[in-house]
Amino acid sequence: MTTAEFSVDARQQGLFLLPFGYSGDLRVERDGKEITVRRTSEWMSVVELPAGHSDIRITARPRQTTLRRTMDAIFIVLLIAIAIRWVSVRRRLKVKCEEAA
């Protein structure tokens, strides 16, 4: 299991934005007791926290973590490929414009 732990001191009751996207197998505990994860969008989720100090423990299955890291890596590679292609096309257009002038 992959685990992340946070300590939060809140002046008033509120929502704690989890630092990663929503996953159905995500388990969140506050002070040792499991709490409900609320999905805000595909990329964000939150948990409700009371005022005062809270120790948060977030646990996810490694399969899900590995899948997310793989998807992130693919996305980054695609962005780099698009950027390289864009620069290449701009250079070709610039050369053609200079030749035409």
C-alpha atoms as a PDB file:
ATOM      1  CA  MET A   1       0.000   0.000   0.000  1.00  0.00           C
ATOM      2  CA  THR A   2       1.066   3.560  -0.703  1.00  0.00           C
ATOM      3  CA  THR A   3       0.516   5.908   2.233  1.00  0.00           C
ATOM      4  CA  ALA A   4       0.724   9.674   2.762  1.00  0.00           C
ATOM      5  CA  GLU A   5       0.319  11.364   6.134  1.00  0.00           C
ATOM      6  CA  PHE A   6      -0.535  14.983   6.978  1.00  0.00           C
ATOM      7  CA  SER A   7      -1.069  16.976  10.158  1.00  0.00           C
ATOM      8  CA  VAL A   8      -3.626  19.754   9.823  1.00  0.00           C
ATOM      9  CA  ASP A   9      -4.441  22.536  12.283  1.00  0.00           C
ATOM     10  CA  ALA A  10      -7.715  24.176  11.275  1.00  0.00           C
ATOM     11  CA  ARG A  11      -9.179  27.277  12.908  1.00  0.00           C
ATOM     12  CA  GLN A  12     -12.653  26.216  11.837  1.00  0.00           C
ATOM     13  CA  GLN A  13     -14.430  23.274  10.265  1.00  0.00           C
ATOM     14  CA  GLY A  14     -13.771  22.953   6.540  1.00  0.00           C
ATOM     15  CA  LEU A  15     -12.695  20.827   3.600  1.00  0.00           C
ATOM     16  CA  PHE A  16      -9.190  19.426   3.068  1.00  0.00           C
ATOM     17  CA  LEU A  17      -8.280  19.151  -0.614  1.00  0.00           C
ATOM     18  CA  LEU A  18      -6.451  15.894  -1.207  1.00  0.00           C
ATOM     19  CA  PRO A  19      -3.231  16.374  -3.170  1.00  0.00           C
ATOM     20  CA  PHE A  20      -4.188  13.946  -5.958  1.00  0.00           C
ATOM     21  CA  GLY A  21      -7.159  12.840  -8.011  1.00  0.00           C
ATOM     22  CA  TYR A  22     -10.156  10.781  -7.000  1.00  0.00           C
ATOM     23  CA  SER A  23      -9.861   7.026  -6.801  1.00  0.00           C
ATOM     24  CA  GLY A  24     -12.556   4.593  -5.724  1.00  0.00           C
ATOM     25  CA  ASP A  25     -10.142   2.538  -3.618  1.00  0.00           C
ATOM     26  CA  LEU A  26      -8.740   5.519  -1.719  1.00  0.00           C
ATOM     27  CA  ARG A  27      -8.912   5.148   2.073  1.00  0.00           C
ATOM     28  CA  VAL A  28      -8.617   8.209   4.321  1.00  0.00           C
ATOM     29  CA  GLU A  29      -8.384   8.153   8.098  1.00  0.00           C
ATOM     30  CA  ARG A  30      -8.611  11.091  10.514  1.00  0.00           C
ATOM     31  CA  ASP A  31      -7.122  10.419  13.931  1.00  0.00           C
ATOM     32  CA  GLY A  32      -7.301   6.671  13.269  1.00  0.00           C
ATOM     33  CA  LYS A  33     -10.954   6.594  12.129  1.00  0.00           C
ATOM     34  CA  GLU A  34     -11.957   6.143   8.502  1.00  0.00           C
ATOM     35  CA  ILE A  35     -13.723   9.146   6.940  1.00  0.00           C
ATOM     36  CA  THR A  36     -15.647   9.649   3.709  1.00  0.00           C
ATOM     37  CA  VAL A  37     -13.867  10.976   0.630  1.00  0.00           C
ATOM     38  CA  ARG A  38     -15.962  13.344  -1.472  1.00  0.00           C
ATOM     39  CA  ARG A  39     -15.306  13.564  -5.175  1.00  0.00           C
ATOM     40  CA  THR A  40     -15.266  17.124  -6.512  1.00  0.00           C
ATOM     41  CA  SER A  41     -14.116  16.280 -10.041  1.00  0.00           C
ATOM     42  CA  GLU A  42     -12.098  13.685 -11.898  1.00  0.00           C
ATOM     43  CA  TRP A  43      -8.898  15.336 -10.706  1.00  0.00           C
ATOM     44  CA  MET A  44      -9.766  16.385  -7.147  1.00  0.00           C
ATOM     45  CA  SER A  45     -11.339  15.060  -3.991  1.00  0.00           C
ATOM     46  CA  VAL A  46     -11.846  16.421  -0.474  1.00  0.00           C
ATOM     47  CA  VAL A  47     -12.524  15.275   3.070  1.00  0.00           C
ATOM     48  CA  GLU A  48     -14.381  17.217   5.741  1.00  0.00           C
ATOM     49  CA  LEU A  49     -12.340  18.172   8.801  1.00  0.00           C
ATOM     50  CA  PRO A  50     -13.470  19.632  12.132  1.00  0.00           C
ATOM     51  CA  ALA A  51     -11.811  22.631  13.761  1.00  0.00           C
ATOM     52  CA  GLY A  52      -8.609  21.845  15.645  1.00  0.00           C
ATOM     53  CA  HIS A  53      -5.786  19.400  15.056  1.00  0.00           C
ATOM     54  CA  SER A  54      -6.247  16.382  12.777  1.00  0.00           C
ATOM     55  CA  ASP A  55      -3.802  13.692  11.704  1.00  0.00           C
ATOM     56  CA  ILE A  56      -4.723  12.516   8.204  1.00  0.00           C
ATOM     57  CA  ARG A  57      -3.576   9.215   6.723  1.00  0.00           C
ATOM     58  CA  ILE A  58      -4.307   8.484   3.071  1.00  0.00           C
ATOM     59  CA  THR A  59      -3.832   4.971   1.729  1.00  0.00           C
ATOM     60  CA  ALA A  60      -4.137   3.714  -1.848  1.00  0.00           C
ATOM     61  CA  ARG A  61      -3.479   0.388  -3.475  1.00  0.00           C
ATOM     62  CA  PRO A  62      -0.158   0.210  -5.371  1.00  0.00           C
ATOM     63  CA  ARG A  63      -1.926  -0.919  -8.562  1.00  0.00           C
ATOM     64  CA  GLN A  64      -3.851   2.322  -8.681  1.00  0.00           C
ATOM     65  CA  THR A  65      -0.750   4.359  -7.878  1.00  0.00           C
ATOM     66  CA  THR A  66       1.265   2.587 -10.571  1.00  0.00           C
ATOM     67  CA  LEU A  67      -1.493   3.147 -13.109  1.00  0.00           C
ATOM     68  CA  ARG A  68      -1.692   6.853 -12.267  1.00  0.00           C
ATOM     69  CA  ARG A  69       2.087   7.293 -12.507  1.00  0.00           C
ATOM     70  CA  THR A  70       2.103   5.512 -15.849  1.00  0.00           C
ATOM     71  CA  MET A  71      -0.701   7.736 -17.142  1.00  0.00           C
ATOM     72  CA  ASP A  72       1.147  10.835 -15.888  1.00  0.00           C
ATOM     73  CA  ALA A  73       4.337   9.726 -17.642  1.00  0.00           C
ATOM     74  CA  ILE A  74       2.479   9.098 -20.911  1.00  0.00           C
ATOM     75  CA  PHE A  75       0.818  12.508 -20.657  1.00  0.00           C
ATOM     76  CA  ILE A  76       4.183  14.230 -20.086  1.00  0.00           C
ATOM     77  CA  VAL A  77       5.766  12.415 -23.044  1.00  0.00           C
ATOM     78  CA  LEU A  78       2.846  13.431 -25.261  1.00  0.00           C
ATOM     79  CA  LEU A  79       3.153  17.069 -24.167  1.00  0.00           C
ATOM     80  CA  ILE A  80       6.878  17.039 -24.954  1.00  0.00           C
ATOM     81  CA  ALA A  81       6.211  15.458 -28.361  1.00  0.00           C
ATOM     82  CA  ILE A  82       3.580  18.085 -29.156  1.00  0.00           C
ATOM     83  CA  ALA A  83       5.956  20.876 -28.106  1.00  0.00           C
ATOM     84  CA  ILE A  84       8.779  19.494 -30.261  1.00  0.00           C
ATOM     85  CA  ARG A  85       6.440  19.117 -33.237  1.00  0.00           C
ATOM     86  CA  TRP A  86       5.118  22.651 -32.747  1.00  0.00           C
ATOM     87  CA  VAL A  87       8.660  24.108 -32.689  1.00  0.00           C
ATOM     88  CA  SER A  88       9.553  22.101 -35.780  1.00  0.00           C
ATOM     89  CA  VAL A  89       6.506  23.351 -37.712  1.00  0.00           C
ATOM     90  CA  ARG A  90       7.180  26.962 -36.670  1.00  0.00           C
ATOM     91  CA  ARG A  91      10.788  26.709 -37.881  1.00  0.00           C
ATOM     92  CA  ARG A  92       9.665  25.333 -41.253  1.00  0.00           C
ATOM     93  CA  LEU A  93       7.134  28.124 -41.648  1.00  0.00           C
ATOM     94  CA  LYS A  94       9.734  30.726 -40.712  1.00  0.00           C
ATOM     95  CA  VAL A  95      12.184  29.334 -43.304  1.00  0.00           C
ATOM     96  CA  LYS A  96       9.452  29.332 -45.992  1.00  0.00           C
ATOM     97  CA  CYS A  97       8.506  32.926 -45.140  1.00  0.00           C
ATOM     98  CA  GLU A  98      12.148  34.012 -45.333  1.00  0.00           C
ATOM     99  CA  GLU A  99      12.598  32.256 -48.701  1.00  0.00           C
ATOM    100  CA  ALA A 100       9.474  33.905 -50.076  1.00  0.00           C
ATOM    101  CA  ALA A 101      10.663  37.364 -49.031  1.00  0.00           C
END
